[in-house]
C-alpha cells in the first residue's frame, strides 16, 4: 500500500508580539536585580555564620582539652605528696614501729587530698537503705533494727557533689533483695 503524502500549504502566519511596556520591563529587571543582591547577601551571611560556627567548635574543643589537661595536672599535683610518702614507706624497714604509723599517715594524706578535691564518703551504717547511694549485697534478719536499715558497710562508697562515683556495698536488715 502506497503512502499518501498530504501536503498542506504552509502559510506564513505571524503572531502579533506581546506588547510589553518598557517601564514595566525595567521595573521587573530592577526587581530581579534586587532579589539577586539579597540572595547574595543572605548566601554571604550563611557562609560567614557557618565559618564562625566552625571556628567556635574548634575553640571549644581546644578549651576543653586545655581544661582537661589542667584538671589532670592539678589532680596529680595534689596526689604527689601521698606518692612520695608511699615511696618512703617502701624504703623503710617494715619491722620498725614507725612503719605502720607512716603508712597510716600516708593513707590519711591521700584521703585529705581527695577530700580537698571534693570527694565525700558514703558511709550509710545505721541509715535506711537508699538505692541511689547503696548497693545491697547481703541481707540479714535482725529484730533489733527496723526494716531496710543498713547494718554493715562492706565497701565504702564515694561521691563528688551529687555524682556517685561508687555505691556503698552494704548489708541490709529485714528486707527482700
Protein backbone atom coordinates (compact mmCIF):
# COMPACT_ATOMS: atom_id res chain seq x y z
CA UNK A 1 0.00 0.00 0.00
CA UNK A 2 1.46 3.28 -1.00
CA UNK A 3 1.77 6.13 1.38
CA UNK A 4 -0.04 9.22 0.51
CA UNK A 5 1.61 12.43 1.30
CA UNK A 6 -0.60 15.21 2.31
CA UNK A 7 0.81 18.49 1.53
CA UNK A 8 -0.92 21.37 3.00
CA UNK A 9 0.02 24.82 2.11
CA UNK A 10 2.08 26.46 4.81
CA UNK A 11 1.08 29.94 5.36
CA UNK A 12 3.32 32.46 6.88
CA UNK A 13 1.35 33.22 10.00
CA UNK A 14 2.89 35.74 12.25
CA UNK A 15 1.56 36.08 15.72
CA UNK A 16 1.47 39.59 16.97
CA UNK A 17 4.23 40.11 19.59
CA UNK A 18 3.00 40.82 23.07
CA UNK A 19 3.16 44.41 23.73
CA UNK A 20 5.30 44.97 26.84
CA UNK A 21 5.69 48.36 28.24
CA UNK A 22 9.39 49.29 28.57
CA UNK A 23 8.85 50.81 32.00
CA UNK A 24 7.24 47.58 33.21
CA UNK A 25 10.17 45.54 31.84
CA UNK A 26 12.67 47.85 33.52
CA UNK A 27 10.78 47.54 36.82
CA UNK A 28 10.87 43.73 36.58
CA UNK A 29 14.58 43.78 35.77
CA UNK A 30 15.25 46.09 38.71
CA UNK A 31 13.22 43.79 41.00
CA UNK A 32 15.19 40.77 39.72
CA UNK A 33 18.48 42.57 40.36
CA UNK A 34 17.33 43.48 43.88
CA UNK A 35 16.37 39.86 44.62
CA UNK A 36 19.74 38.65 43.28
CA UNK A 37 21.56 41.09 45.57
CA UNK A 38 19.51 39.98 48.57
CA UNK A 39 20.25 36.34 47.73
CA UNK A 40 23.97 37.10 47.51
CA UNK A 41 23.84 38.90 50.86
CA UNK A 42 21.98 36.01 52.51
CA UNK A 43 24.38 33.48 51.00
CA UNK A 44 27.35 35.51 52.22
CA UNK A 45 25.80 35.74 55.71
CA UNK A 46 25.17 31.98 55.70
CA UNK A 47 28.78 31.23 54.71
CA UNK A 48 30.13 33.61 57.35
CA UNK A 49 27.89 32.10 60.03
CA UNK A 50 28.96 28.58 59.08
CA UNK A 51 32.63 29.62 59.25
CA UNK A 52 32.12 31.34 62.62
CA UNK A 53 30.38 28.24 63.99
CA UNK A 54 33.19 26.00 62.75
CA UNK A 55 35.74 28.29 64.42
CA UNK A 56 33.66 28.27 67.62
CA UNK A 57 33.64 24.45 67.66
CA UNK A 58 37.41 24.37 67.20
CA UNK A 59 37.93 26.92 70.01
CA UNK A 60 35.63 24.97 72.35
CA UNK A 61 37.39 21.69 71.60
CA UNK A 62 40.76 23.29 72.28
CA UNK A 63 39.45 24.88 75.50
CA UNK A 64 38.04 21.54 76.71
CA UNK A 65 41.34 19.80 76.00
CA UNK A 66 43.24 22.55 77.83
CA UNK A 67 40.86 22.38 80.82
CA UNK A 68 41.08 18.59 80.90
CA UNK A 69 44.87 18.78 80.95
CA UNK A 70 44.76 21.39 83.70
CA UNK A 71 42.40 19.29 85.85
CA UNK A 72 44.55 16.20 85.37
CA UNK A 73 47.66 18.17 86.28
CA UNK A 74 46.10 19.65 89.42
CA UNK A 75 44.81 16.22 90.47
CA UNK A 76 48.20 14.61 90.04
CA UNK A 77 49.90 17.51 91.82
CA UNK A 78 47.55 17.04 94.80
CA UNK A 79 48.32 13.29 94.94
CA UNK A 80 52.12 13.57 94.59
CA UNK A 81 52.78 14.02 98.34
CA UNK A 82 50.98 10.72 99.00
CA UNK A 83 53.04 9.04 96.26
CA UNK A 84 56.23 10.44 97.86
CA UNK A 85 55.17 9.06 101.24
CA UNK A 86 54.41 5.64 99.73
CA UNK A 87 57.88 5.60 98.19
CA UNK A 88 59.40 6.47 101.59
CA UNK A 89 57.36 3.70 103.23
CA UNK A 90 58.63 1.19 100.67
CA UNK A 91 62.21 2.18 101.54
CA UNK A 92 61.61 1.93 105.29
CA UNK A 93 62.05 -1.15 107.46
CA UNK A 94 58.62 -2.87 107.76
CA UNK A 95 59.61 -4.21 111.19
CA UNK A 96 60.02 -0.69 112.51
CA UNK A 97 57.30 0.70 114.78
CA UNK A 98 57.26 3.88 112.74
CA UNK A 99 56.41 1.95 109.57
CA UNK A 100 52.74 1.41 110.45
CA UNK A 101 52.49 4.99 111.66
CA UNK A 102 53.99 6.25 108.38
CA UNK A 103 51.63 4.14 106.27
CA UNK A 104 48.65 5.41 108.29
CA UNK A 105 49.82 9.00 107.78
CA UNK A 106 50.23 8.33 104.04
CA UNK A 107 46.68 6.98 103.76
CA UNK A 108 45.38 9.97 105.72
CA UNK A 109 47.28 12.34 103.41
CA UNK A 110 45.81 10.61 100.37
CA UNK A 111 42.26 10.88 101.75
CA UNK A 112 42.85 14.52 102.68
CA UNK A 113 43.98 15.29 99.12
CA UNK A 114 40.91 13.56 97.68
CA UNK A 115 38.59 15.34 100.12
CA UNK A 116 40.12 18.69 99.12
CA UNK A 117 39.12 17.84 95.55
CA UNK A 118 35.51 17.34 96.69
CA UNK A 119 35.39 13.59 97.39
CA UNK A 120 32.82 12.57 100.01
CA UNK A 121 32.44 9.17 101.65
CA UNK A 122 29.14 7.35 101.57
CA UNK A 123 29.01 5.59 104.93
CA UNK A 124 25.36 4.67 105.50
CA UNK A 125 25.67 2.35 108.51
CA UNK A 126 22.53 2.69 110.64
CA UNK A 127 20.69 4.61 107.90
CA UNK A 128 17.78 3.49 105.75
CA UNK A 129 18.79 1.75 102.52
CA UNK A 130 18.77 4.12 99.52
CA UNK A 131 19.24 2.62 96.06
CA UNK A 132 20.70 5.95 94.85
CA UNK A 133 23.74 5.60 97.15
CA UNK A 134 23.85 1.98 98.28
CA UNK A 135 24.22 -1.43 96.69
CA UNK A 136 22.75 -4.21 98.81
CA UNK A 137 24.84 -7.38 98.52
CA UNK A 138 23.68 -9.16 101.69
CA UNK A 139 20.61 -9.27 103.86
CA UNK A 140 20.12 -10.24 107.45
CA UNK A 141 17.10 -10.75 109.72
CA UNK A 142 17.63 -8.64 112.82
CA UNK A 143 14.77 -7.80 115.18
CA UNK A 144 16.83 -5.10 116.91
CA UNK A 145 16.73 -2.79 113.87
CA UNK A 146 13.95 -1.67 111.59
CA UNK A 147 13.19 -2.71 108.03
CA UNK A 148 15.59 -1.69 105.25
CA UNK A 149 18.30 -0.45 107.63
CA UNK A 150 21.95 -0.74 106.65
CA UNK A 151 23.63 -2.86 109.33
CA UNK A 152 27.13 -3.07 107.85
CA UNK A 153 29.15 -1.30 105.18
CA UNK A 154 31.19 -3.89 103.31
CA UNK A 155 32.85 -1.40 100.94
CA UNK A 156 32.78 2.37 101.32
CA UNK A 157 31.02 4.38 98.64
CA UNK A 158 32.16 7.75 97.28
CA UNK A 159 30.61 10.76 95.60
CA UNK A 160 31.51 14.24 94.42
CA UNK A 161 28.58 16.57 94.95
CA UNK A 162 25.52 14.68 93.73
CA UNK A 163 27.57 12.49 91.38
CA UNK A 164 28.00 8.99 92.85
CA UNK A 165 31.39 7.59 91.88
CA UNK A 166 30.88 4.25 93.61
CA UNK A 167 27.86 2.98 95.53
CA UNK A 168 28.50 1.73 99.07
CA UNK A 169 28.25 -2.08 99.21
CA UNK A 170 26.09 -2.85 102.24
CA UNK A 171 24.32 -5.48 104.29
CA UNK A 172 20.65 -4.59 104.83
CA UNK A 173 18.37 -5.81 107.60
CA UNK A 174 14.83 -7.09 107.24
CA UNK A 175 14.32 -6.61 103.52
CA UNK A 176 13.82 -8.68 100.39
CA UNK A 177 16.70 -8.28 97.94
